[in-house]
Amino acid sequence: MKRTAFKSLIGLGLVASAALSACGKPSPTAQYIPVAAPPAPTITRNANLPQLVLNNQQPTLPDGKLATDIRFDMAFESASTAAAEANAEKPTTTATSDDTSNETTSAPQANEMNVPIGTTKKFSVEITLDDGQLLSQFSRLNWVSTNRDVGTISTSGIFTPRSEGTTKVVASIGGVATTMVVHVAPGNFIWQQMQAPTQANLYGVKLVSDAEAWAVGAAGTMLHFTQGRWYNLTQQLHPITQGGNIYSIDMISPQEGWAVGDNMVLYYQGGRWTRVQVPTQGIFKSVDMIASGIGYIVGESGGAALTMRLEGARGWQPMASGIDKPLSSVSVVGPNHVWAVGDTGNLSRPGIFQYNGTTWDKVRFTNSLIDWKRPTGKYSMKAIKMVNSSQGWAVGEYDPLLSSLRGKRGAIFKFDAINDIWTEIELNADADKRFEQVTFNAIGMLNPTEGWVLGNTVNAALDLSANNQITGNLMKTNGETVKPASDFKAQSLPYAFNSIDIVEHGNGIIVGDQGLIMHRQYDLNYQYKRSNLGNFNGQFGQGYTQPAGQY
């Protein structure tokens, strides 16, 4: 069959080859299933199609040509991985467009594809004209998506997913039409670096919703993410922060929240931040709220632990904890069910504490943890995340005797609610043993078997090579072991990742030194309907099962 290039199309301003170079190719972050060849050409004149204007006027074919056949000429993906693999294993014989020969392909039996949320797909067709010529890579057609709640398509054939589900994309011109069944799949997540309006070290982050977040850091740094970008409020707030470090932030609602730092407690309400006077001085390292008027702050005062509780009209009031070392992080499960972590001295177990409404008690560990495995040195626990009353993780570092020679060690512990003890998580057996020396600052768990541990770049002990650094900034955990992560893209890694907030549907934010911000969000325009406020997401959060024998 004769093919003509139709150079006149260029003069009409139709699809240029450069613009179509990505036609049918997956986006860099998408994972598609390739097929050997597209299906045989078809003409669809089905009475079940939506009402379309099928004429040869708007849009029109070039030079007054008429269409006799139409088919998608783009590469497309099977709607089912299993089906595609099955087709690959059992090739089918499919006629070519001119029926002159048969060839074996692994194409699906129908025009069908997956398009993940957060990507777009460019559609084009191949049209058989009344003179037998083929018009390829044509997109100026009548385009219709039969379910606009699932996805929309532009007049130039660009399909944009909106929500998970199935729709049909119908292309028509000159009295012929063809249909592609499009399954909108979940987005392909990956941590990606965002442009940040600061180079200051960032210490805390709170994801309010998919469309809003806050980050805080060194020298009074305060950033606000809204309308798809980060804004720097640092100079605006300098009269109340006086350049003091801000370490932690938590929001009760989009209109109310708290942030803490060097002898500083900030309150946000009605679009304004104000500084709140408290009856004690110290370094306030962490704040966690579960509702308006219910929250806790921990930190350091005079070298010992500082704990404060919000008590209604009385405001923040100090609590007696009996803990003689500084605290670094707090996680609130209920009004009188609170966990905190901090430092401990030599020959002591890790500093993980639980408040039961009356006293702060040091938690129990597996007997083998300290008794014989690590008889010397001290712990500095940096962060704790309790996802509910029965499941949680704590991270930090272990400083053994002669650590200047041997190096520090990363420390991760998981709460075993059934036995009411904490157990240590080990480095994955396949990981480079040098990663044992990576120390940790924070942890975020998407579910019990998937999470991320934020660490530091460290110099490997006893390594005399020219480059002895271990870039262990981002680690991955399955809840039982930890290993270096690979699901992220960053232009350059900072010395440390410091804070993470991740929510049940998968979106998240990580912040670190040198103003580094990474988002795990497949589509900044896609907004999840639920907010991420407070810390308590039910007795047992989504994806977290209730252990046997627990209330």
Protein backbone atom coordinates (compact mmCIF):
# COMPACT_ATOMS: atom_id res chain seq x y z
CA MET A 1 0.00 0.00 0.00
CA LYS A 2 1.39 3.36 -1.00
CA ARG A 3 2.37 5.78 1.77
CA THR A 4 2.70 9.57 1.30
CA ALA A 5 4.38 11.99 3.70
CA PHE A 6 1.79 14.77 3.21
CA LYS A 7 4.24 17.63 3.52
CA SER A 8 1.36 20.05 3.29
CA LEU A 9 0.45 19.09 6.87
CA ILE A 10 3.38 21.10 8.16
CA GLY A 11 2.03 24.27 6.64
CA LEU A 12 -1.31 23.64 8.32
CA GLY A 13 0.36 23.73 11.74
CA LEU A 14 -0.56 20.14 12.55
CA VAL A 15 1.44 17.87 14.77
CA ALA A 16 5.16 18.34 14.18
CA SER A 17 7.46 15.37 14.41
CA ALA A 18 9.40 16.94 17.26
CA ALA A 19 6.26 17.38 19.31
CA LEU A 20 5.32 13.81 18.59
CA SER A 21 8.65 12.27 19.45
CA ALA A 22 7.20 11.30 22.82
CA CYS A 23 4.01 9.95 21.27
CA GLY A 24 3.14 6.69 22.85
CA LYS A 25 6.24 6.59 25.03
CA PRO A 26 5.93 6.26 28.81
CA SER A 27 7.00 9.11 31.05
CA PRO A 28 10.34 8.63 32.86
CA THR A 29 8.60 7.70 36.12
CA ALA A 30 5.89 5.51 34.61
CA GLN A 31 6.22 1.76 34.29
CA TYR A 32 4.51 0.51 31.17
CA ILE A 33 4.23 -2.94 29.59
CA PRO A 34 5.54 -2.85 26.00
CA VAL A 35 3.93 -4.92 23.28
CA ALA A 36 5.45 -6.11 20.06
CA ALA A 37 2.92 -4.45 17.75
CA PRO A 38 -0.39 -2.58 17.81
CA PRO A 39 -3.59 -4.40 17.01
CA ALA A 40 -5.00 -4.71 13.51
CA PRO A 41 -6.79 -1.63 12.16
CA THR A 42 -10.48 -1.38 12.91
CA ILE A 43 -13.37 0.87 11.98
CA THR A 44 -15.69 1.48 14.90
CA ARG A 45 -19.28 2.41 14.10
CA ASN A 46 -20.89 1.11 17.23
CA ALA A 47 -24.37 2.28 18.20
CA ASN A 48 -23.22 2.37 21.83
CA LEU A 49 -20.71 5.13 21.18
CA PRO A 50 -21.49 8.58 22.59
CA GLN A 51 -23.20 11.05 20.29
CA LEU A 52 -20.47 12.51 18.11
CA VAL A 53 -20.44 14.99 15.27
CA LEU A 54 -18.97 12.85 12.50
CA ASN A 55 -18.34 15.15 9.57
CA ASN A 56 -15.54 16.32 7.37
CA GLN A 57 -15.62 19.99 8.32
CA GLN A 58 -14.39 20.55 11.92
CA PRO A 59 -11.79 19.19 12.03
CA THR A 60 -11.00 18.36 8.42
CA LEU A 61 -8.63 16.14 6.53
CA PRO A 62 -6.08 17.78 4.20
CA ASP A 63 -6.79 18.50 0.56
CA GLY A 64 -10.45 17.51 0.87
CA LYS A 65 -9.62 13.84 1.37
CA LEU A 66 -12.12 11.38 2.79
CA ALA A 67 -11.43 8.77 5.48
CA THR A 68 -12.29 5.12 4.98
CA ASP A 69 -10.54 3.63 7.98
CA ILE A 70 -9.02 4.87 11.28
CA ARG A 71 -6.90 3.24 13.95
CA PHE A 72 -4.59 4.29 16.80
CA ASP A 73 -1.02 4.31 15.52
CA MET A 74 0.65 4.99 18.88
CA ALA A 75 2.44 2.48 21.06
CA PHE A 76 0.11 1.36 23.83
CA GLU A 77 0.18 -0.83 26.89
CA SER A 78 -1.87 -3.79 27.96
CA ALA A 79 -4.32 -3.08 30.75
CA SER A 80 -3.12 -6.14 32.63
CA THR A 81 0.45 -7.13 33.36
CA ALA A 82 -0.61 -10.73 33.59
CA ALA A 83 -2.44 -10.55 30.29
CA ALA A 84 0.55 -9.00 28.59
CA GLU A 85 2.85 -11.66 29.94
CA ALA A 86 0.41 -14.33 28.87
CA ASN A 87 0.28 -12.87 25.39
CA ALA A 88 4.04 -12.81 25.27
CA GLU A 89 4.16 -16.46 26.21
CA LYS A 90 1.38 -17.38 23.74
CA PRO A 91 1.94 -15.30 20.58
CA THR A 92 -1.06 -14.65 18.40
CA THR A 93 -1.21 -14.29 14.65
CA THR A 94 -2.48 -10.86 13.63
CA ALA A 95 -3.05 -9.52 10.11
CA THR A 96 -1.06 -6.46 9.05
CA SER A 97 -2.74 -3.29 7.86
CA ASP A 98 -2.61 -4.24 4.18
CA ASP A 99 -3.34 -7.96 4.73
CA THR A 100 -0.33 -8.83 2.59
CA SER A 101 1.31 -10.98 5.27
CA ASN A 102 0.86 -12.42 8.72
CA GLU A 103 3.16 -11.76 11.65
CA THR A 104 3.30 -13.05 15.19
CA THR A 105 2.79 -10.37 17.85
CA SER A 106 2.03 -10.16 21.55
CA ALA A 107 -0.59 -7.45 21.12
CA PRO A 108 -3.71 -7.45 23.28
CA GLN A 109 -6.97 -8.43 21.67
CA ALA A 110 -8.50 -4.93 21.97
CA ASN A 111 -7.45 -1.31 22.07
CA GLU A 112 -6.77 -1.03 25.80
CA MET A 113 -4.15 0.66 27.96
CA ASN A 114 -3.15 1.80 31.44
CA VAL A 115 -2.39 5.45 32.19
CA PRO A 116 -1.19 6.21 35.74
CA ILE A 117 -2.43 9.27 37.59
CA GLY A 118 0.16 12.01 37.40
CA THR A 119 1.11 11.30 33.78
CA THR A 120 -0.42 12.31 30.48
CA LYS A 121 -0.80 10.36 27.28
CA LYS A 122 -0.63 11.73 23.75
CA PHE A 123 -3.07 10.02 21.36
CA SER A 124 -2.81 10.00 17.58
CA VAL A 125 -4.26 7.88 14.80
CA GLU A 126 -3.45 6.47 11.39
CA ILE A 127 -6.13 7.19 8.80
CA THR A 128 -6.69 5.34 5.55
CA LEU A 129 -7.83 7.83 2.92
CA ASP A 130 -10.19 7.24 0.03
CA ASP A 131 -7.29 7.20 -2.44
CA GLY A 132 -5.57 4.37 -0.50
CA GLN A 133 -2.88 6.53 1.10
CA LEU A 134 -2.11 6.50 4.85
CA LEU A 135 -2.09 9.61 7.01
CA SER A 136 0.04 8.88 10.11
CA GLN A 137 0.47 10.59 13.49
CA PHE A 138 -2.71 12.59 13.06
CA SER A 139 -4.33 14.13 16.14
CA ARG A 140 -6.65 16.91 14.95
CA LEU A 141 -9.83 14.92 15.40
CA ASN A 142 -13.00 14.94 17.41
CA TRP A 143 -11.84 13.60 20.81
CA VAL A 144 -14.23 12.41 23.51
CA SER A 145 -13.69 10.80 26.93
CA THR A 146 -16.83 8.95 27.93
CA ASN A 147 -16.12 9.36 31.66
CA ARG A 148 -14.67 12.79 32.35
CA ASP A 149 -14.48 12.05 36.09
CA VAL A 150 -11.83 9.43 35.27
CA GLY A 151 -9.97 11.41 32.62
CA THR A 152 -10.24 14.24 30.10
CA ILE A 153 -8.80 14.63 26.62
CA SER A 154 -7.87 17.84 24.84
CA THR A 155 -8.63 18.86 21.28
CA SER A 156 -5.06 17.87 20.37
CA GLY A 157 -5.43 14.36 21.79
CA ILE A 158 -3.68 14.73 25.16
CA PHE A 159 -5.32 12.54 27.81
CA THR A 160 -5.07 13.65 31.46
CA PRO A 161 -6.11 11.17 34.21
CA ARG A 162 -8.22 12.54 37.06
CA SER A 163 -9.11 9.55 39.24
CA GLU A 164 -8.74 5.78 39.21
CA GLY A 165 -11.28 4.02 37.00
CA THR A 166 -12.05 3.24 33.36
CA THR A 167 -13.10 5.44 30.48
CA LYS A 168 -13.17 5.22 26.69
CA VAL A 169 -11.30 7.62 24.45
CA VAL A 170 -13.11 7.99 21.14
CA ALA A 171 -11.43 9.57 18.09
CA SER A 172 -13.56 10.39 15.03
CA ILE A 173 -13.31 12.25 11.75
CA GLY A 174 -14.96 12.13 8.37
CA GLY A 175 -17.59 9.59 9.39
CA VAL A 176 -15.26 7.01 10.98
CA ALA A 177 -14.30 6.48 14.62
CA THR A 178 -12.11 4.30 16.81
CA THR A 179 -12.13 3.64 20.54
CA MET A 180 -9.42 3.05 23.15
CA VAL A 181 -10.37 1.68 26.58
CA VAL A 182 -8.26 3.56 29.14
CA HIS A 183 -7.76 2.26 32.67
CA VAL A 184 -6.53 5.03 34.96
CA ALA A 185 -4.16 3.36 37.39
CA PRO A 186 -2.65 4.56 40.69
CA GLY A 187 0.22 6.97 40.33
CA ASN A 188 3.83 5.87 40.16
CA PHE A 189 5.44 7.24 43.30
CA ILE A 190 9.02 8.36 43.63
CA TRP A 191 10.77 10.88 45.87
CA GLN A 192 11.76 13.87 43.72
CA GLN A 193 13.60 17.03 44.68
CA MET A 194 11.58 20.24 44.60
CA GLN A 195 12.85 23.76 44.06
CA ALA A 196 13.30 25.37 47.48
CA PRO A 197 13.39 29.11 48.26
CA THR A 198 16.16 28.71 50.87
CA GLN A 199 19.56 27.15 51.46
CA ALA A 200 19.05 26.95 55.21
CA ASN A 201 19.00 23.61 56.99
CA LEU A 202 15.43 22.36 57.38
CA TYR A 203 14.57 20.41 60.55
CA GLY A 204 10.81 19.81 60.53
CA VAL A 205 7.95 19.35 58.05
CA LYS A 206 4.18 18.93 58.20
CA LEU A 207 2.03 17.86 55.25
CA VAL A 208 -1.39 19.41 55.91
CA SER A 209 -2.92 18.09 52.68
CA ASP A 210 -1.79 17.33 49.15
CA ALA A 211 -2.00 21.04 48.40
CA GLU A 212 -0.47 22.51 51.57
CA ALA A 213 2.55 21.94 53.80
CA TRP A 214 4.88 23.74 56.22
CA ALA A 215 8.62 23.37 56.82
CA VAL A 216 10.85 24.93 59.49
CA GLY A 217 14.57 25.16 60.05
CA ALA A 218 17.69 27.03 61.03
CA ALA A 219 17.79 30.78 61.76
CA GLY A 220 14.02 31.13 61.99
CA THR A 221 13.34 29.56 58.59
CA MET A 222 9.63 29.11 57.89
CA LEU A 223 8.38 27.83 54.51
CA HIS A 224 4.80 27.43 53.33
CA PHE A 225 3.81 25.17 50.43
CA THR A 226 0.64 26.30 48.67
CA GLN A 227 -0.61 26.65 45.10
CA GLY A 228 2.05 24.23 43.90
CA ARG A 229 5.16 26.03 45.19
CA TRP A 230 7.13 26.81 48.35
CA TYR A 231 7.11 30.35 49.78
CA ASN A 232 9.70 31.70 52.22
CA LEU A 233 8.21 33.54 55.21
CA THR A 234 11.48 33.78 57.17
CA GLN A 235 12.05 37.52 56.86
CA GLN A 236 8.39 38.27 57.43
CA LEU A 237 8.49 36.36 60.75
CA HIS A 238 11.88 37.59 61.94
CA PRO A 239 10.35 40.10 64.41
CA ILE A 240 8.90 37.17 66.40
CA THR A 241 11.56 34.49 65.79
CA GLN A 242 14.60 36.76 66.14
CA GLY A 243 16.49 34.27 63.99
CA GLY A 244 16.24 31.39 66.46
CA ASN A 245 16.22 27.83 65.14
CA ILE A 246 12.80 26.21 64.66
CA TYR A 247 12.91 22.42 65.00
CA SER A 248 9.37 21.07 64.77
CA ILE A 249 5.90 21.97 63.49
CA ASP A 250 2.46 20.39 63.71
CA MET A 251 -0.90 21.58 62.41
CA ILE A 252 -4.29 20.94 64.01
CA SER A 253 -6.15 22.37 61.02
CA PRO A 254 -5.23 24.50 58.02
CA GLN A 255 -5.98 27.50 60.25
CA GLU A 256 -4.31 26.37 63.50
CA GLY A 257 -0.91 24.97 64.39
CA TRP A 258 2.19 25.08 66.58
CA ALA A 259 5.95 25.33 65.98
CA VAL A 260 8.79 25.12 68.51
CA GLY A 261 12.49 25.95 68.61
CA ASP A 262 15.21 27.62 70.65
CA ASN A 263 13.31 28.91 73.70
CA MET A 264 10.44 29.61 71.34
CA VAL A 265 6.82 28.44 70.97
CA LEU A 266 4.89 29.79 67.99
CA TYR A 267 1.13 29.62 67.48
CA TYR A 268 -0.64 29.89 64.13
CA GLN A 269 -4.25 30.99 63.91
CA GLY A 270 -6.28 32.88 61.37
CA GLY A 271 -3.34 33.21 58.97
CA ARG A 272 -0.92 34.73 61.52
CA TRP A 273 2.00 33.37 63.53
CA THR A 274 2.49 34.74 67.05
CA ARG A 275 4.97 33.97 69.80
CA VAL A 276 3.50 32.44 72.95
CA GLN A 277 4.95 32.98 76.41
CA VAL A 278 5.56 29.76 78.36
CA PRO A 279 6.47 29.32 82.05
CA THR A 280 9.81 27.63 81.39
CA GLN A 281 12.90 28.15 79.24
CA GLY A 282 14.78 25.66 77.17
CA ILE A 283 15.36 24.17 73.74
CA PHE A 284 12.00 22.91 72.52
CA LYS A 285 12.79 20.12 70.04
CA SER A 286 9.46 18.54 69.17
CA VAL A 287 5.73 19.26 69.27
CA ASP A 288 2.89 16.84 68.54
CA MET A 289 -0.81 17.66 68.61
CA ILE A 290 -3.84 15.40 68.30
CA ALA A 291 -6.56 18.05 68.58
CA SER A 292 -7.06 21.68 69.45
CA GLY A 293 -5.93 22.02 73.06
CA ILE A 294 -4.37 18.52 73.26
CA GLY A 295 -0.64 18.24 72.62
CA TYR A 296 2.85 17.81 74.07
CA ILE A 297 6.26 19.45 73.70
CA VAL A 298 9.61 17.88 74.64
CA GLY A 299 13.15 19.18 74.66
CA GLU A 300 15.98 20.14 76.95
CA SER A 301 16.41 22.52 79.86
CA GLY A 302 19.59 22.70 81.93
CA GLY A 303 20.89 19.45 80.44
CA ALA A 304 17.82 17.44 81.50
CA ALA A 305 14.57 16.51 79.83
CA LEU A 306 11.87 19.13 79.37
CA THR A 307 8.23 18.09 78.94
CA MET A 308 5.20 20.34 78.57
CA ARG A 309 1.50 19.69 78.07
CA LEU A 310 -1.16 22.01 76.68
CA GLU A 311 -3.81 22.46 79.37
CA GLY A 312 -6.70 24.43 77.93
CA ALA A 313 -6.91 28.06 79.04
CA ARG A 314 -3.78 27.63 81.20
CA GLY A 315 -1.72 27.12 78.07
CA TRP A 316 1.51 25.14 78.02
CA GLN A 317 2.47 23.83 81.45
CA PRO A 318 5.70 22.01 82.45
CA MET A 319 5.49 18.39 83.61
CA ALA A 320 7.73 16.50 86.00
CA SER A 321 9.23 13.59 84.04
CA GLY A 322 12.13 12.32 86.16
CA ILE A 323 14.17 11.94 82.96
CA ASP A 324 17.67 13.27 83.46
CA LYS A 325 18.78 13.49 79.80
CA PRO A 326 17.50 15.66 76.92
CA LEU A 327 14.54 14.52 74.85
CA SER A 328 14.44 14.90 71.06
CA SER A 329 11.04 13.76 69.80
CA VAL A 330 7.47 13.13 70.98
CA SER A 331 4.61 11.13 69.47
CA VAL A 332 1.12 11.43 70.95
CA VAL A 333 -1.38 8.58 70.61
CA GLY A 334 -4.01 9.80 73.07
CA PRO A 335 -4.49 12.54 75.67
CA ASN A 336 -2.67 10.43 78.28
CA HIS A 337 -0.82 8.05 75.98
CA VAL A 338 2.45 9.64 74.88
CA TRP A 339 5.85 8.38 73.73
CA ALA A 340 9.17 10.25 73.69
CA VAL A 341 12.81 9.52 72.88
CA GLY A 342 16.11 11.09 73.82
CA ASP A 343 19.63 10.56 75.12
CA THR A 344 20.97 8.08 77.65
CA GLY A 345 24.30 7.68 79.42
CA ASN A 346 26.88 4.91 79.08
CA LEU A 347 25.80 1.36 79.88
CA SER A 348 22.15 2.38 79.52
CA ARG A 349 19.41 1.09 77.30
CA PRO A 350 18.05 3.38 74.53
CA GLY A 351 16.07 6.37 75.76
CA ILE A 352 12.49 5.47 74.82
CA PHE A 353 9.83 6.54 77.32
CA GLN A 354 6.06 6.18 77.66
CA TYR A 355 3.72 8.49 79.55
CA ASN A 356 0.68 6.69 80.98
CA GLY A 357 -1.17 9.73 82.28
CA THR A 358 0.71 9.76 85.60
CA THR A 359 4.39 8.90 85.13
CA TRP A 360 7.01 8.66 82.41
CA ASP A 361 8.35 5.10 82.30
CA LYS A 362 11.35 3.75 80.44
CA VAL A 363 10.28 0.98 78.10
CA ARG A 364 11.44 -2.63 78.08
CA PHE A 365 13.71 -4.17 75.43
CA THR A 366 14.56 -7.69 74.36
CA ASN A 367 16.90 -9.17 76.97
CA SER A 368 19.75 -9.75 74.52
CA LEU A 369 19.84 -6.17 73.27
CA ILE A 370 22.02 -4.48 75.85
CA ASP A 371 22.92 -7.27 78.29
CA TRP A 372 25.60 -8.75 76.06
CA LYS A 373 25.45 -7.29 72.56
CA ARG A 374 26.36 -3.69 73.33
CA PRO A 375 27.81 -3.53 76.85
CA THR A 376 29.44 -0.11 76.42
CA GLY A 377 28.62 3.22 74.88
CA LYS A 378 25.48 5.33 74.86
CA TYR A 379 22.41 6.00 72.76
CA SER A 380 21.00 9.20 71.34
CA MET A 381 17.52 8.52 69.98
CA LYS A 382 16.40 11.24 67.54
CA ALA A 383 12.82 10.46 66.50
CA ILE A 384 9.81 8.30 67.30
CA LYS A 385 6.70 7.65 65.23
CA MET A 386 3.76 5.79 66.77
CA VAL A 387 1.21 5.15 64.06
CA ASN A 388 -1.27 3.89 66.64
CA SER A 389 -1.31 2.48 70.16
CA SER A 390 0.27 -0.81 69.12
CA GLN A 391 2.75 -0.07 66.35
CA GLY A 392 5.67 2.32 66.25
CA TRP A 393 9.33 2.82 65.41
CA ALA A 394 12.17 4.83 66.96
CA VAL A 395 15.49 5.78 65.36
CA GLY A 396 18.77 7.38 66.39
CA GLU A 397 22.40 6.48 66.91
CA TYR A 398 24.58 4.35 69.14
CA ASP A 399 27.91 5.79 70.25
CA PRO A 400 30.16 2.89 71.27
CA LEU A 401 33.33 3.10 73.29
CA LEU A 402 36.16 4.47 71.12
CA SER A 403 33.67 5.59 68.48
CA SER A 404 36.25 7.98 67.07
CA LEU A 405 38.00 4.87 65.77
CA ARG A 406 35.13 2.46 65.29
CA GLY A 407 32.48 4.92 64.17
CA LYS A 408 28.95 5.40 65.45
CA ARG A 409 26.11 3.08 64.52
CA GLY A 410 22.59 3.65 63.34
CA ALA A 411 19.89 2.42 65.73
CA ILE A 412 16.31 1.45 64.82
CA PHE A 413 13.76 -0.16 67.15
CA LYS A 414 10.27 -1.49 66.57
CA PHE A 415 7.53 -1.78 69.19
CA ASP A 416 6.29 -5.31 69.85
CA ALA A 417 2.89 -4.65 71.40
CA ILE A 418 2.12 -8.31 72.03
CA ASN A 419 5.10 -8.69 74.37
CA ASP A 420 5.25 -5.00 75.34
CA ILE A 421 8.91 -4.73 74.36
CA TRP A 422 11.04 -2.95 71.78
CA THR A 423 13.19 -4.98 69.38
CA GLU A 424 16.07 -3.85 67.20
CA ILE A 425 15.88 -3.72 63.40
CA GLU A 426 19.03 -4.88 61.64
CA LEU A 427 20.69 -3.83 58.38
CA ASN A 428 19.52 -5.96 55.47
CA ALA A 429 21.87 -8.91 54.92
CA ASP A 430 22.49 -7.92 51.30
CA ALA A 431 23.46 -4.32 52.14
CA ASP A 432 27.03 -3.06 52.36
CA LYS A 433 28.08 -3.46 56.00
CA ARG A 434 29.50 0.06 55.97
CA PHE A 435 25.91 1.31 56.10
CA GLU A 436 25.84 0.16 59.72
CA GLN A 437 27.72 3.40 60.40
CA VAL A 438 24.95 5.60 58.99
CA THR A 439 23.16 7.33 61.86
CA PHE A 440 19.47 8.21 61.68
CA ASN A 441 17.37 11.32 62.28
CA ALA A 442 13.75 10.40 61.48
CA ILE A 443 11.43 7.66 60.24
CA GLY A 444 8.18 7.67 58.30
CA MET A 445 6.05 4.57 57.78
CA LEU A 446 3.49 4.34 54.99
CA ASN A 447 2.29 0.99 56.32
CA PRO A 448 3.78 -1.77 58.51
CA THR A 449 5.93 -3.10 55.66
CA GLU A 450 7.02 0.08 53.87
CA GLY A 451 8.78 3.12 55.20
CA TRP A 452 11.82 5.39 54.97
CA VAL A 453 14.57 6.17 57.45
CA LEU A 454 16.38 9.49 57.17
CA GLY A 455 20.08 9.50 57.84
CA ASN A 456 23.36 11.34 57.54
CA THR A 457 26.39 11.26 55.32
CA VAL A 458 29.24 9.96 57.48
CA ASN A 459 32.93 9.19 57.12
CA ALA A 460 33.52 5.47 57.29
CA ALA A 461 35.62 4.56 60.33
CA LEU A 462 38.99 2.92 59.63
CA ASP A 463 38.57 3.66 55.91
CA LEU A 464 41.67 5.44 54.62
CA SER A 465 40.54 5.73 51.00
CA ALA A 466 40.45 9.12 49.26
CA ASN A 467 36.65 9.14 49.46
CA ASN A 468 35.53 7.35 52.59
CA GLN A 469 32.09 8.93 52.83
CA ILE A 470 28.97 6.82 53.16
CA THR A 471 26.04 8.70 51.61
CA GLY A 472 23.34 7.03 53.67
CA ASN A 473 20.87 9.90 53.63
CA LEU A 474 17.79 7.92 52.64
CA MET A 475 17.18 4.34 53.69
CA LYS A 476 14.23 2.01 53.06
CA THR A 477 12.66 -0.34 55.57
CA ASN A 478 10.15 -3.17 55.37
CA GLY A 479 9.54 -2.88 59.10
CA GLU A 480 11.97 -5.68 59.88
CA THR A 481 15.26 -4.69 58.19
CA VAL A 482 16.73 -1.54 56.64
CA LYS A 483 18.73 -0.95 53.47
CA PRO A 484 19.77 1.98 51.23
CA ALA A 485 16.85 3.42 49.25
CA SER A 486 16.86 3.84 45.49
CA ASP A 487 13.37 5.27 44.91
CA PHE A 488 14.40 8.93 44.84
CA LYS A 489 15.89 11.56 42.54
CA ALA A 490 17.96 14.45 43.87
CA GLN A 491 20.33 16.83 42.16
CA SER A 492 22.72 16.64 45.10
CA LEU A 493 22.48 14.98 48.47
CA PRO A 494 22.77 17.08 51.64
CA TYR A 495 24.76 16.11 54.68
CA ALA A 496 21.56 15.04 56.39
CA PHE A 497 17.87 14.37 55.83
CA ASN A 498 16.09 15.54 58.96
CA SER A 499 12.30 15.18 58.86
CA ILE A 500 9.59 13.29 57.00
CA ASP A 501 5.80 13.36 56.89
CA ILE A 502 3.97 10.74 54.87
CA VAL A 503 0.27 9.97 54.76
CA GLU A 504 -1.80 6.88 54.16
CA HIS A 505 -2.43 7.38 50.44
CA GLY A 506 1.29 7.67 49.73
CA ASN A 507 2.06 11.37 49.42
CA GLY A 508 4.92 12.65 51.53
CA ILE A 509 7.60 15.30 52.03
CA ILE A 510 11.20 15.01 53.22
CA VAL A 511 13.38 17.95 54.25
CA GLY A 512 17.06 18.15 55.02
CA ASP A 513 20.17 20.27 55.21
CA GLN A 514 20.94 22.99 52.65
CA GLY A 515 17.28 23.61 51.95
CA LEU A 516 16.66 20.20 50.43
CA ILE A 517 12.98 19.33 49.89
CA MET A 518 11.72 16.13 48.30
CA HIS A 519 8.09 15.33 47.48
CA ARG A 520 6.61 11.89 47.06
CA GLN A 521 3.51 12.90 45.15
CA TYR A 522 2.66 11.58 41.73
CA ASP A 523 0.65 14.62 40.71
CA LEU A 524 0.82 18.02 42.36
CA ASN A 525 -2.54 18.86 40.79
CA TYR A 526 -4.25 15.78 42.21
CA GLN A 527 -5.70 16.48 45.64
CA TYR A 528 -6.62 13.80 48.13
CA LYS A 529 -9.93 14.57 49.80
CA ARG A 530 -8.78 13.88 53.38
CA SER A 531 -6.47 16.09 55.36
CA ASN A 532 -3.48 15.05 57.47
CA LEU A 533 -4.04 16.76 60.79
CA GLY A 534 -2.91 15.82 64.26
CA ASN A 535 -1.16 12.50 64.75
CA PHE A 536 -3.81 10.08 65.97
CA ASN A 537 -5.46 8.29 63.06
CA GLY A 538 -7.58 5.89 65.09
CA GLN A 539 -6.70 3.13 67.49
CA PHE A 540 -5.24 1.27 64.52
CA GLY A 541 -4.35 3.22 61.42
CA GLN A 542 -5.06 2.27 57.84
CA GLY A 543 -2.93 -0.69 56.83
CA TYR A 544 -2.11 -1.49 60.44
CA THR A 545 -3.75 -4.55 61.92
CA GLN A 546 -4.67 -5.08 65.54
CA PRO A 547 -2.28 -7.53 67.22
CA ALA A 548 -3.83 -10.53 68.86
CA GLY A 549 -4.77 -9.96 72.47
CA GLN A 550 -4.55 -6.17 72.21
CA TYR A 551 -7.41 -3.80 72.83
